[in-house]
Amino acid sequence: MAAEQRKLLEQLMGGPQTSRAAQLSLTDPKVCRSFLVGTCPHDLFTNTKQDLGPCPRVHPESLKAEYEALPDAQRRELRFEYDYLRDLSKYIDDCNRRIDAAQRRLEKTPDEIRQTNVLLKAIGDLGETVAAGLAEVEVLGDMGEVARAYEEFFRVRQAQQAKAERERELKALSDTSGPSGHQKLQVCDVCGAYLSRLDNDRRLADHFYGKMHLGYAQMRKTYDAFPKEMRGRARGPPMPSAMDDGPRGGGTGPGDDDRPRGPRRGGGGGGGGGGGYGGAGRGPRGFRGW
């Protein structure tokens, strides 16, 4: 959508935009190389929670057409695909970190684990007290010690009440911590959004066909489509081009020398799995631990 709006703006602006594009070359550092090779990440998430804002580099349609018309050997010499891969891996890695952080927020904290263990031990101890007390009441009854049997039974009733109270506390803790406390939330393993396992198919479809999910699915699929060797090289220092005019870069800011690690997750197709909703290569519905 952003790319279409930009093209329409260029058409409406007419001369100045055309003149500016004519002054630029393919290797000009002001040109977005991610746009030349594929799709600039800044164009994928407009008007979403992950809106990256406008790309700091220009997107001339004429230069994109010129690049696509080059022979394969000349495109390989330019090495723009490595810049595109570095750009993709930067945003995919950022998304992966958000997914990990979101997953940790759904897990129980150390204090919640400690409280759970304390309550479980108390419930176990009280259960043993009740069992032993009931056995003692039976023995005292057989011996005709009615008064003592009554006193022991009273203590058993107190232990049963305490056990029931600890069980209620444990249930309340379980209902307010971890995944159960977050209304059965799961983390989408493609875009990092929270969704509930209680959502109906319509709500799930709204997510899986939403702009943000499809944008990350497209980035992952595009990244995984490149040969593994190229992805490995793209994680290293930028390689000089024989036709380079200046610093490399895609959709990131000018002079950005970010060299992120390659994405850890598999590519998401955006339309496979989970009844036609989830990303390819993910769980049944695109959720971690679904």
C-alpha atoms as a PDB file:
ATOM      1  CA  MET A   1       0.000   0.000   0.000  1.00  0.00           C
ATOM      2  CA  ALA A   2       2.794   2.436   0.883  1.00  0.00           C
ATOM      3  CA  ALA A   3       4.587   1.614  -2.362  1.00  0.00           C
ATOM      4  CA  GLU A   4       1.394   2.259  -4.334  1.00  0.00           C
ATOM      5  CA  GLN A   5       0.876   5.574  -2.553  1.00  0.00           C
ATOM      6  CA  ARG A   6       4.456   6.558  -3.322  1.00  0.00           C
ATOM      7  CA  LYS A   7       4.005   5.740  -7.002  1.00  0.00           C
ATOM      8  CA  LEU A   8       0.793   7.772  -7.117  1.00  0.00           C
ATOM      9  CA  LEU A   9       2.546  10.689  -5.417  1.00  0.00           C
ATOM     10  CA  GLU A  10       5.366  10.556  -7.947  1.00  0.00           C
ATOM     11  CA  GLN A  11       2.837  10.631 -10.777  1.00  0.00           C
ATOM     12  CA  LEU A  12       1.017  13.590  -9.244  1.00  0.00           C
ATOM     13  CA  MET A  13       4.233  15.479  -8.507  1.00  0.00           C
ATOM     14  CA  GLY A  14       5.388  14.959 -12.060  1.00  0.00           C
ATOM     15  CA  GLY A  15       8.556  16.735 -13.188  1.00  0.00           C
ATOM     16  CA  PRO A  16      10.557  17.284  -9.960  1.00  0.00           C
ATOM     17  CA  GLN A  17      10.277  13.642  -8.861  1.00  0.00           C
ATOM     18  CA  THR A  18      11.134  12.343 -12.308  1.00  0.00           C
ATOM     19  CA  SER A  19      14.046  14.758 -12.538  1.00  0.00           C
ATOM     20  CA  ARG A  20      15.378  13.652  -9.134  1.00  0.00           C
ATOM     21  CA  ALA A  21      15.232   9.971 -10.081  1.00  0.00           C
ATOM     22  CA  ALA A  22      17.021  10.707 -13.330  1.00  0.00           C
ATOM     23  CA  GLN A  23      19.922  12.211 -11.369  1.00  0.00           C
ATOM     24  CA  LEU A  24      20.419   9.028  -9.313  1.00  0.00           C
ATOM     25  CA  SER A  25      22.286   5.889 -10.296  1.00  0.00           C
ATOM     26  CA  LEU A  26      21.723   2.317  -9.120  1.00  0.00           C
ATOM     27  CA  THR A  27      24.699   2.517  -6.781  1.00  0.00           C
ATOM     28  CA  ASP A  28      23.812   5.893  -5.282  1.00  0.00           C
ATOM     29  CA  PRO A  29      23.742   5.521  -1.460  1.00  0.00           C
ATOM     30  CA  LYS A  30      20.477   7.486  -1.357  1.00  0.00           C
ATOM     31  CA  VAL A  31      18.695   4.647  -3.187  1.00  0.00           C
ATOM     32  CA  CYS A  32      17.062   1.866  -1.120  1.00  0.00           C
ATOM     33  CA  ARG A  33      18.617  -1.402  -2.242  1.00  0.00           C
ATOM     34  CA  SER A  34      15.969  -3.486  -0.509  1.00  0.00           C
ATOM     35  CA  PHE A  35      13.418  -1.766  -2.735  1.00  0.00           C
ATOM     36  CA  LEU A  36      15.495  -2.480  -5.843  1.00  0.00           C
ATOM     37  CA  VAL A  37      15.863  -6.202  -5.062  1.00  0.00           C
ATOM     38  CA  GLY A  38      12.486  -6.956  -3.503  1.00  0.00           C
ATOM     39  CA  THR A  39      10.215  -5.185  -1.015  1.00  0.00           C
ATOM     40  CA  CYS A  40      11.458  -2.581   1.448  1.00  0.00           C
ATOM     41  CA  PRO A  41      10.426  -3.529   5.026  1.00  0.00           C
ATOM     42  CA  HIS A  42       9.190   0.041   5.534  1.00  0.00           C
ATOM     43  CA  ASP A  43       6.462  -0.636   2.953  1.00  0.00           C
ATOM     44  CA  LEU A  44       5.129  -3.755   4.714  1.00  0.00           C
ATOM     45  CA  PHE A  45       3.776  -2.407   8.006  1.00  0.00           C
ATOM     46  CA  THR A  46       2.206   0.982   7.310  1.00  0.00           C
ATOM     47  CA  ASN A  47      -0.712   1.772   9.647  1.00  0.00           C
ATOM     48  CA  THR A  48       0.048  -1.209  11.923  1.00  0.00           C
ATOM     49  CA  LYS A  49       1.511  -1.426  15.433  1.00  0.00           C
ATOM     50  CA  GLN A  50       4.877  -2.200  13.818  1.00  0.00           C
ATOM     51  CA  ASP A  51       4.823   0.776  11.422  1.00  0.00           C
ATOM     52  CA  LEU A  52       8.488   1.533  10.659  1.00  0.00           C
ATOM     53  CA  GLY A  53       7.796   4.988   9.303  1.00  0.00           C
ATOM     54  CA  PRO A  54       9.015   6.260   5.925  1.00  0.00           C
ATOM     55  CA  CYS A  55      12.168   4.733   4.482  1.00  0.00           C
ATOM     56  CA  PRO A  56      15.135   7.147   4.761  1.00  0.00           C
ATOM     57  CA  ARG A  57      16.145   6.242   1.219  1.00  0.00           C
ATOM     58  CA  VAL A  58      14.355   6.868  -2.048  1.00  0.00           C
ATOM     59  CA  HIS A  59      12.398   4.284  -4.044  1.00  0.00           C
ATOM     60  CA  PRO A  60      12.623   5.238  -7.733  1.00  0.00           C
ATOM     61  CA  GLU A  61      10.484   2.911  -9.855  1.00  0.00           C
ATOM     62  CA  SER A  62      12.669   3.683 -12.874  1.00  0.00           C
ATOM     63  CA  LEU A  63      15.799   2.395 -11.107  1.00  0.00           C
ATOM     64  CA  LYS A  64      13.958  -0.717  -9.900  1.00  0.00           C
ATOM     65  CA  ALA A  65      12.999  -1.479 -13.499  1.00  0.00           C
ATOM     66  CA  GLU A  66      16.587  -0.808 -14.582  1.00  0.00           C
ATOM     67  CA  TYR A  67      17.928  -3.192 -11.935  1.00  0.00           C
ATOM     68  CA  GLU A  68      15.466  -5.937 -12.861  1.00  0.00           C
ATOM     69  CA  ALA A  69      16.480  -5.607 -16.517  1.00  0.00           C
ATOM     70  CA  LEU A  70      20.173  -6.194 -15.777  1.00  0.00           C
ATOM     71  CA  PRO A  71      21.733  -9.548 -16.728  1.00  0.00           C
ATOM     72  CA  ASP A  72      22.110 -11.979 -13.817  1.00  0.00           C
ATOM     73  CA  ALA A  73      25.896 -11.671 -13.884  1.00  0.00           C
ATOM     74  CA  GLN A  74      25.747  -7.898 -13.513  1.00  0.00           C
ATOM     75  CA  ARG A  75      23.237  -8.112 -10.647  1.00  0.00           C
ATOM     76  CA  ARG A  76      25.532 -10.569  -8.865  1.00  0.00           C
ATOM     77  CA  GLU A  77      28.416  -8.129  -9.309  1.00  0.00           C
ATOM     78  CA  LEU A  78      26.416  -5.375  -7.615  1.00  0.00           C
ATOM     79  CA  ARG A  79      25.778  -7.659  -4.583  1.00  0.00           C
ATOM     80  CA  PHE A  80      22.602  -5.785  -3.661  1.00  0.00           C
ATOM     81  CA  GLU A  81      21.000  -9.067  -2.579  1.00  0.00           C
ATOM     82  CA  TYR A  82      23.397  -9.225   0.375  1.00  0.00           C
ATOM     83  CA  ASP A  83      22.243  -5.768   1.476  1.00  0.00           C
ATOM     84  CA  TYR A  84      18.652  -6.936   1.160  1.00  0.00           C
ATOM     85  CA  LEU A  85      19.381 -10.046   3.253  1.00  0.00           C
ATOM     86  CA  ARG A  86      21.032  -7.960   5.979  1.00  0.00           C
ATOM     87  CA  ASP A  87      18.013  -5.672   6.007  1.00  0.00           C
ATOM     88  CA  LEU A  88      15.573  -8.588   6.278  1.00  0.00           C
ATOM     89  CA  SER A  89      17.557 -10.324   9.021  1.00  0.00           C
ATOM     90  CA  LYS A  90      17.644  -7.126  11.079  1.00  0.00           C
ATOM     91  CA  TYR A  91      13.858  -6.869  11.257  1.00  0.00           C
ATOM     92  CA  ILE A  92      13.286 -10.625  11.564  1.00  0.00           C
ATOM     93  CA  ASP A  93      15.724 -10.789  14.484  1.00  0.00           C
ATOM     94  CA  ASP A  94      13.942  -7.866  16.156  1.00  0.00           C
ATOM     95  CA  CYS A  95      10.660  -9.771  15.769  1.00  0.00           C
ATOM     96  CA  ASN A  96      12.211 -12.968  17.148  1.00  0.00           C
ATOM     97  CA  ARG A  97      13.378 -11.105  20.243  1.00  0.00           C
ATOM     98  CA  ARG A  98       9.862  -9.766  20.791  1.00  0.00           C
ATOM     99  CA  ILE A  99       8.480 -13.304  20.431  1.00  0.00           C
ATOM    100  CA  ASP A 100      10.908 -14.616  23.068  1.00  0.00           C
ATOM    101  CA  ALA A 101      10.074 -11.739  25.435  1.00  0.00           C
ATOM    102  CA  ALA A 102       6.330 -12.259  24.963  1.00  0.00           C
ATOM    103  CA  GLN A 103       6.685 -15.987  25.632  1.00  0.00           C
ATOM    104  CA  ARG A 104       8.615 -15.312  28.845  1.00  0.00           C
ATOM    105  CA  ARG A 105       5.841 -12.982  30.034  1.00  0.00           C
ATOM    106  CA  LEU A 106       3.377 -15.871  29.761  1.00  0.00           C
ATOM    107  CA  GLU A 107       5.509 -18.191  31.870  1.00  0.00           C
ATOM    108  CA  LYS A 108       5.395 -18.360  35.659  1.00  0.00           C
ATOM    109  CA  THR A 109       7.826 -16.158  37.567  1.00  0.00           C
ATOM    110  CA  PRO A 110      10.283 -17.692  40.082  1.00  0.00           C
ATOM    111  CA  ASP A 111       8.149 -16.319  42.932  1.00  0.00           C
ATOM    112  CA  GLU A 112       5.017 -17.950  41.491  1.00  0.00           C
ATOM    113  CA  ILE A 113       6.872 -21.260  41.193  1.00  0.00           C
ATOM    114  CA  ARG A 114       8.038 -20.962  44.832  1.00  0.00           C
ATOM    115  CA  GLN A 115       4.507 -20.225  46.068  1.00  0.00           C
ATOM    116  CA  THR A 116       3.152 -23.174  44.098  1.00  0.00           C
ATOM    117  CA  ASN A 117       5.712 -25.551  45.623  1.00  0.00           C
ATOM    118  CA  VAL A 118       4.962 -24.303  49.165  1.00  0.00           C
ATOM    119  CA  LEU A 119       1.229 -24.827  48.691  1.00  0.00           C
ATOM    120  CA  LEU A 120       1.706 -28.278  47.162  1.00  0.00           C
ATOM    121  CA  LYS A 121       3.839 -29.356  50.143  1.00  0.00           C
ATOM    122  CA  ALA A 122       1.308 -27.975  52.626  1.00  0.00           C
ATOM    123  CA  ILE A 123      -1.539 -29.786  50.868  1.00  0.00           C
ATOM    124  CA  GLY A 124       0.435 -33.040  50.920  1.00  0.00           C
ATOM    125  CA  ASP A 125       1.294 -32.720  54.619  1.00  0.00           C
ATOM    126  CA  LEU A 126      -2.303 -31.920  55.568  1.00  0.00           C
ATOM    127  CA  GLY A 127      -3.518 -34.882  53.530  1.00  0.00           C
ATOM    128  CA  GLU A 128      -1.255 -37.184  55.533  1.00  0.00           C
ATOM    129  CA  THR A 129      -2.502 -35.600  58.790  1.00  0.00           C
ATOM    130  CA  VAL A 130      -6.115 -36.237  57.800  1.00  0.00           C
ATOM    131  CA  ALA A 131      -5.418 -39.858  56.863  1.00  0.00           C
ATOM    132  CA  ALA A 132      -3.544 -40.545  60.102  1.00  0.00           C
ATOM    133  CA  GLY A 133      -6.234 -38.801  62.171  1.00  0.00           C
ATOM    134  CA  LEU A 134      -9.052 -40.824  60.637  1.00  0.00           C
ATOM    135  CA  ALA A 135      -7.142 -44.027  61.362  1.00  0.00           C
ATOM    136  CA  GLU A 136      -6.670 -42.890  64.980  1.00  0.00           C
ATOM    137  CA  VAL A 137     -10.386 -42.104  65.348  1.00  0.00           C
ATOM    138  CA  GLU A 138     -11.234 -45.614  64.173  1.00  0.00           C
ATOM    139  CA  VAL A 139      -8.815 -47.206  66.656  1.00  0.00           C
ATOM    140  CA  LEU A 140     -10.108 -45.095  69.563  1.00  0.00           C
ATOM    141  CA  GLY A 141     -13.676 -45.948  68.637  1.00  0.00           C
ATOM    142  CA  ASP A 142     -12.879 -49.670  68.703  1.00  0.00           C
ATOM    143  CA  MET A 143     -11.328 -49.179  72.145  1.00  0.00           C
ATOM    144  CA  GLY A 144     -14.419 -47.405  73.438  1.00  0.00           C
ATOM    145  CA  GLU A 145     -12.559 -44.122  73.968  1.00  0.00           C
ATOM    146  CA  VAL A 146     -15.427 -42.008  72.708  1.00  0.00           C
ATOM    147  CA  ALA A 147     -14.274 -38.696  74.213  1.00  0.00           C
ATOM    148  CA  ARG A 148     -10.743 -39.017  72.812  1.00  0.00           C
ATOM    149  CA  ALA A 149     -12.119 -40.172  69.466  1.00  0.00           C
ATOM    150  CA  TYR A 150     -14.318 -37.062  69.342  1.00  0.00           C
ATOM    151  CA  GLU A 151     -11.339 -34.799  70.115  1.00  0.00           C
ATOM    152  CA  GLU A 152      -9.256 -36.469  67.388  1.00  0.00           C
ATOM    153  CA  PHE A 153     -12.102 -36.169  64.900  1.00  0.00           C
ATOM    154  CA  PHE A 154     -12.312 -32.437  65.663  1.00  0.00           C
ATOM    155  CA  ARG A 155      -8.590 -32.088  64.837  1.00  0.00           C
ATOM    156  CA  VAL A 156      -9.161 -34.054  61.594  1.00  0.00           C
ATOM    157  CA  ARG A 157     -11.942 -31.635  60.608  1.00  0.00           C
ATOM    158  CA  GLN A 158      -9.604 -28.676  61.213  1.00  0.00           C
ATOM    159  CA  ALA A 159      -6.922 -30.298  59.033  1.00  0.00           C
ATOM    160  CA  GLN A 160      -9.489 -30.944  56.285  1.00  0.00           C
ATOM    161  CA  GLN A 161     -10.569 -27.300  56.355  1.00  0.00           C
ATOM    162  CA  ALA A 162      -6.949 -26.102  56.222  1.00  0.00           C
ATOM    163  CA  LYS A 163      -6.263 -28.452  53.310  1.00  0.00           C
ATOM    164  CA  ALA A 164      -9.314 -27.130  51.430  1.00  0.00           C
ATOM    165  CA  GLU A 165      -8.132 -23.552  52.021  1.00  0.00           C
ATOM    166  CA  ARG A 166      -4.638 -24.323  50.653  1.00  0.00           C
ATOM    167  CA  GLU A 167      -6.246 -25.957  47.601  1.00  0.00           C
ATOM    168  CA  ARG A 168      -8.295 -22.802  46.959  1.00  0.00           C
ATOM    169  CA  GLU A 169      -5.138 -20.695  47.237  1.00  0.00           C
ATOM    170  CA  LEU A 170      -3.362 -22.967  44.748  1.00  0.00           C
ATOM    171  CA  LYS A 171      -6.236 -22.683  42.269  1.00  0.00           C
ATOM    172  CA  ALA A 172      -6.288 -18.896  42.622  1.00  0.00           C
ATOM    173  CA  LEU A 173      -2.530 -18.767  42.011  1.00  0.00           C
ATOM    174  CA  SER A 174      -2.861 -20.970  38.939  1.00  0.00           C
ATOM    175  CA  ASP A 175      -5.675 -18.784  37.588  1.00  0.00           C
ATOM    176  CA  THR A 176      -3.643 -15.574  37.906  1.00  0.00           C
ATOM    177  CA  SER A 177      -0.190 -16.707  36.767  1.00  0.00           C
ATOM    178  CA  GLY A 178       1.335 -18.213  33.664  1.00  0.00           C
ATOM    179  CA  PRO A 179      -0.715 -19.001  30.530  1.00  0.00           C
ATOM    180  CA  SER A 180      -3.914 -19.712  32.492  1.00  0.00           C
ATOM    181  CA  GLY A 181      -3.759 -16.252  34.016  1.00  0.00           C
ATOM    182  CA  HIS A 182      -3.508 -14.672  30.585  1.00  0.00           C
ATOM    183  CA  GLN A 183      -6.769 -16.175  29.304  1.00  0.00           C
ATOM    184  CA  LYS A 184      -5.011 -19.058  27.524  1.00  0.00           C
ATOM    185  CA  LEU A 185      -2.887 -16.641  25.507  1.00  0.00           C
ATOM    186  CA  GLN A 186      -0.402 -17.923  22.957  1.00  0.00           C
ATOM    187  CA  VAL A 187       2.331 -16.111  21.045  1.00  0.00           C
ATOM    188  CA  CYS A 188       2.202 -16.110  17.246  1.00  0.00           C
ATOM    189  CA  ASP A 189       5.513 -17.581  16.102  1.00  0.00           C
ATOM    190  CA  VAL A 190       5.498 -15.465  12.931  1.00  0.00           C
ATOM    191  CA  CYS A 191       4.771 -11.916  14.094  1.00  0.00           C
ATOM    192  CA  GLY A 192       4.829 -12.115  17.920  1.00  0.00           C
ATOM    193  CA  ALA A 193       1.214 -11.037  18.504  1.00  0.00           C
ATOM    194  CA  TYR A 194      -0.843 -12.404  21.412  1.00  0.00           C
ATOM    195  CA  LEU A 195      -3.933 -14.437  20.559  1.00  0.00           C
ATOM    196  CA  SER A 196      -6.258 -16.480  22.731  1.00  0.00           C
ATOM    197  CA  ARG A 197      -6.844 -20.168  22.187  1.00  0.00           C
ATOM    198  CA  LEU A 198     -10.481 -19.361  22.928  1.00  0.00           C
ATOM    199  CA  ASP A 199     -10.779 -17.117  19.852  1.00  0.00           C
ATOM    200  CA  ASN A 200     -13.180 -18.269  17.160  1.00  0.00           C
ATOM    201  CA  ASP A 201     -12.118 -18.954  13.579  1.00  0.00           C
ATOM    202  CA  ARG A 202     -13.176 -15.482  12.436  1.00  0.00           C
ATOM    203  CA  ARG A 203     -10.883 -13.737  14.911  1.00  0.00           C
ATOM    204  CA  LEU A 204      -8.020 -16.076  14.034  1.00  0.00           C
ATOM    205  CA  ALA A 205      -8.556 -15.389  10.337  1.00  0.00           C
ATOM    206  CA  ASP A 206      -8.505 -11.642  11.000  1.00  0.00           C
ATOM    207  CA  HIS A 207      -5.087 -12.082  12.575  1.00  0.00           C
ATOM    208  CA  PHE A 208      -3.498 -14.499  10.116  1.00  0.00           C
ATOM    209  CA  TYR A 209      -4.660 -12.468   7.127  1.00  0.00           C
ATOM    210  CA  GLY A 210      -3.830  -9.166   8.802  1.00  0.00           C
ATOM    211  CA  LYS A 211      -1.209  -6.814   7.409  1.00  0.00           C
ATOM    212  CA  MET A 212       1.327  -7.240  10.215  1.00  0.00           C
ATOM    213  CA  HIS A 213       1.238 -11.055  10.204  1.00  0.00           C
ATOM    214  CA  LEU A 214       1.433 -11.274   6.414  1.00  0.00           C
ATOM    215  CA  GLY A 215       4.279  -8.744   6.359  1.00  0.00           C
ATOM    216  CA  TYR A 216       6.470 -10.815   8.680  1.00  0.00           C
ATOM    217  CA  ALA A 217       5.439 -14.013   6.903  1.00  0.00           C
ATOM    218  CA  GLN A 218       6.556 -12.473   3.610  1.00  0.00           C
ATOM    219  CA  MET A 219       9.890 -11.353   5.066  1.00  0.00           C
ATOM    220  CA  ARG A 220      10.611 -14.797   6.532  1.00  0.00           C
ATOM    221  CA  LYS A 221       9.623 -16.562   3.323  1.00  0.00           C
ATOM    222  CA  THR A 222      11.761 -14.217   1.209  1.00  0.00           C
ATOM    223  CA  TYR A 223      14.755 -14.637   3.525  1.00  0.00           C
ATOM    224  CA  ASP A 224      14.507 -18.437   3.495  1.00  0.00           C
ATOM    225  CA  ALA A 225      14.210 -18.468  -0.297  1.00  0.00           C
ATOM    226  CA  PHE A 226      17.815 -17.289  -0.625  1.00  0.00           C
ATOM    227  CA  PRO A 227      20.499 -20.004  -0.672  1.00  0.00           C
ATOM    228  CA  LYS A 228      21.871 -20.885   2.762  1.00  0.00           C
ATOM    229  CA  GLU A 229      25.392 -19.894   1.690  1.00  0.00           C
ATOM    230  CA  MET A 230      24.225 -16.398   0.764  1.00  0.00           C
ATOM    231  CA  ARG A 231      22.430 -16.015   4.093  1.00  0.00           C
ATOM    232  CA  GLY A 232      25.607 -16.991   5.908  1.00  0.00           C
ATOM    233  CA  ARG A 233      27.715 -14.473   4.004  1.00  0.00           C
ATOM    234  CA  ALA A 234      25.152 -11.727   4.561  1.00  0.00           C
ATOM    235  CA  ARG A 235      25.701 -12.047   8.321  1.00  0.00           C
ATOM    236  CA  GLY A 236      29.327 -11.028   7.854  1.00  0.00           C
ATOM    237  CA  PRO A 237      30.788  -7.615   7.016  1.00  0.00           C
ATOM    238  CA  PRO A 238      29.363  -5.928   3.902  1.00  0.00           C
ATOM    239  CA  MET A 239      31.218  -7.031   0.787  1.00  0.00           C
ATOM    240  CA  PRO A 240      32.449  -4.267  -1.547  1.00  0.00           C
ATOM    241  CA  SER A 241      30.906  -4.016  -4.970  1.00  0.00           C
ATOM    242  CA  ALA A 242      32.937  -3.320  -8.066  1.00  0.00           C
ATOM    243  CA  MET A 243      30.379  -0.646  -8.967  1.00  0.00           C
ATOM    244  CA  ASP A 244      29.787   0.816  -5.504  1.00  0.00           C
ATOM    245  CA  ASP A 245      29.385   4.595  -5.169  1.00  0.00           C
ATOM    246  CA  GLY A 246      29.050   4.770  -1.397  1.00  0.00           C
ATOM    247  CA  PRO A 247      27.831   3.090   1.787  1.00  0.00           C
ATOM    248  CA  ARG A 248      25.537   0.137   1.479  1.00  0.00           C
ATOM    249  CA  GLY A 249      22.121  -0.136   3.018  1.00  0.00           C
ATOM    250  CA  GLY A 250      18.529  -1.072   2.482  1.00  0.00           C
ATOM    251  CA  GLY A 251      15.581   0.177   4.447  1.00  0.00           C
ATOM    252  CA  THR A 252      17.712   1.029   7.489  1.00  0.00           C
ATOM    253  CA  GLY A 253      19.061   4.498   8.123  1.00  0.00           C
ATOM    254  CA  PRO A 254      22.020   5.938   6.209  1.00  0.00           C
ATOM    255  CA  GLY A 255      25.347   4.618   7.400  1.00  0.00           C
ATOM    256  CA  ASP A 256      23.732   1.816   9.378  1.00  0.00           C
ATOM    257  CA  ASP A 257      26.359  -0.859   9.883  1.00  0.00           C
ATOM    258  CA  ASP A 258      24.134  -3.320  11.694  1.00  0.00           C
ATOM    259  CA  ARG A 259      25.184  -6.899  11.098  1.00  0.00           C
ATOM    260  CA  PRO A 260      22.551  -8.996  12.907  1.00  0.00           C
ATOM    261  CA  ARG A 261      22.627 -12.732  13.180  1.00  0.00           C
ATOM    262  CA  GLY A 262      20.432 -14.687  10.810  1.00  0.00           C
ATOM    263  CA  PRO A 263      16.861 -15.437  11.824  1.00  0.00           C
ATOM    264  CA  ARG A 264      16.428 -18.521  14.006  1.00  0.00           C
ATOM    265  CA  ARG A 265      12.925 -19.360  12.904  1.00  0.00           C
ATOM    266  CA  GLY A 266      11.748 -20.927   9.713  1.00  0.00           C
ATOM    267  CA  GLY A 267       9.936 -19.014   6.990  1.00  0.00           C
ATOM    268  CA  GLY A 268       6.250 -18.306   7.246  1.00  0.00           C
ATOM    269  CA  GLY A 269       4.142 -18.490   4.141  1.00  0.00           C
ATOM    270  CA  GLY A 270       1.236 -16.666   5.752  1.00  0.00           C
ATOM    271  CA  GLY A 271      -1.379 -18.939   4.258  1.00  0.00           C
ATOM    272  CA  GLY A 272      -0.568 -22.502   5.266  1.00  0.00           C
ATOM    273  CA  GLY A 273      -1.447 -24.609   8.267  1.00  0.00           C
ATOM    274  CA  GLY A 274      -4.119 -24.162  10.894  1.00  0.00           C
ATOM    275  CA  GLY A 275      -7.067 -24.377   8.568  1.00  0.00           C
ATOM    276  CA  GLY A 276      -5.408 -22.131   6.015  1.00  0.00           C
ATOM    277  CA  TYR A 277      -4.433 -19.438   8.479  1.00  0.00           C
ATOM    278  CA  GLY A 278      -0.955 -20.091   9.898  1.00  0.00           C
ATOM    279  CA  GLY A 279       2.481 -19.468   8.390  1.00  0.00           C
ATOM    280  CA  ALA A 280       4.350 -22.300   6.683  1.00  0.00           C
ATOM    281  CA  GLY A 281       6.881 -24.151   8.771  1.00  0.00           C
ATOM    282  CA  ARG A 282       5.140 -23.295  12.041  1.00  0.00           C
ATOM    283  CA  GLY A 283       2.872 -25.102  14.485  1.00  0.00           C
ATOM    284  CA  PRO A 284      -0.675 -26.079  13.493  1.00  0.00           C
ATOM    285  CA  ARG A 285      -1.954 -22.535  13.929  1.00  0.00           C
ATOM    286  CA  GLY A 286       1.179 -20.447  13.817  1.00  0.00           C
ATOM    287  CA  PHE A 287       1.470 -20.420  17.622  1.00  0.00           C
ATOM    288  CA  ARG A 288       4.310 -21.533  19.805  1.00  0.00           C
ATOM    289  CA  GLY A 289       3.145 -24.389  22.007  1.00  0.00           C
ATOM    290  CA  TRP A 290      -0.384 -24.363  20.555  1.00  0.00           C
END
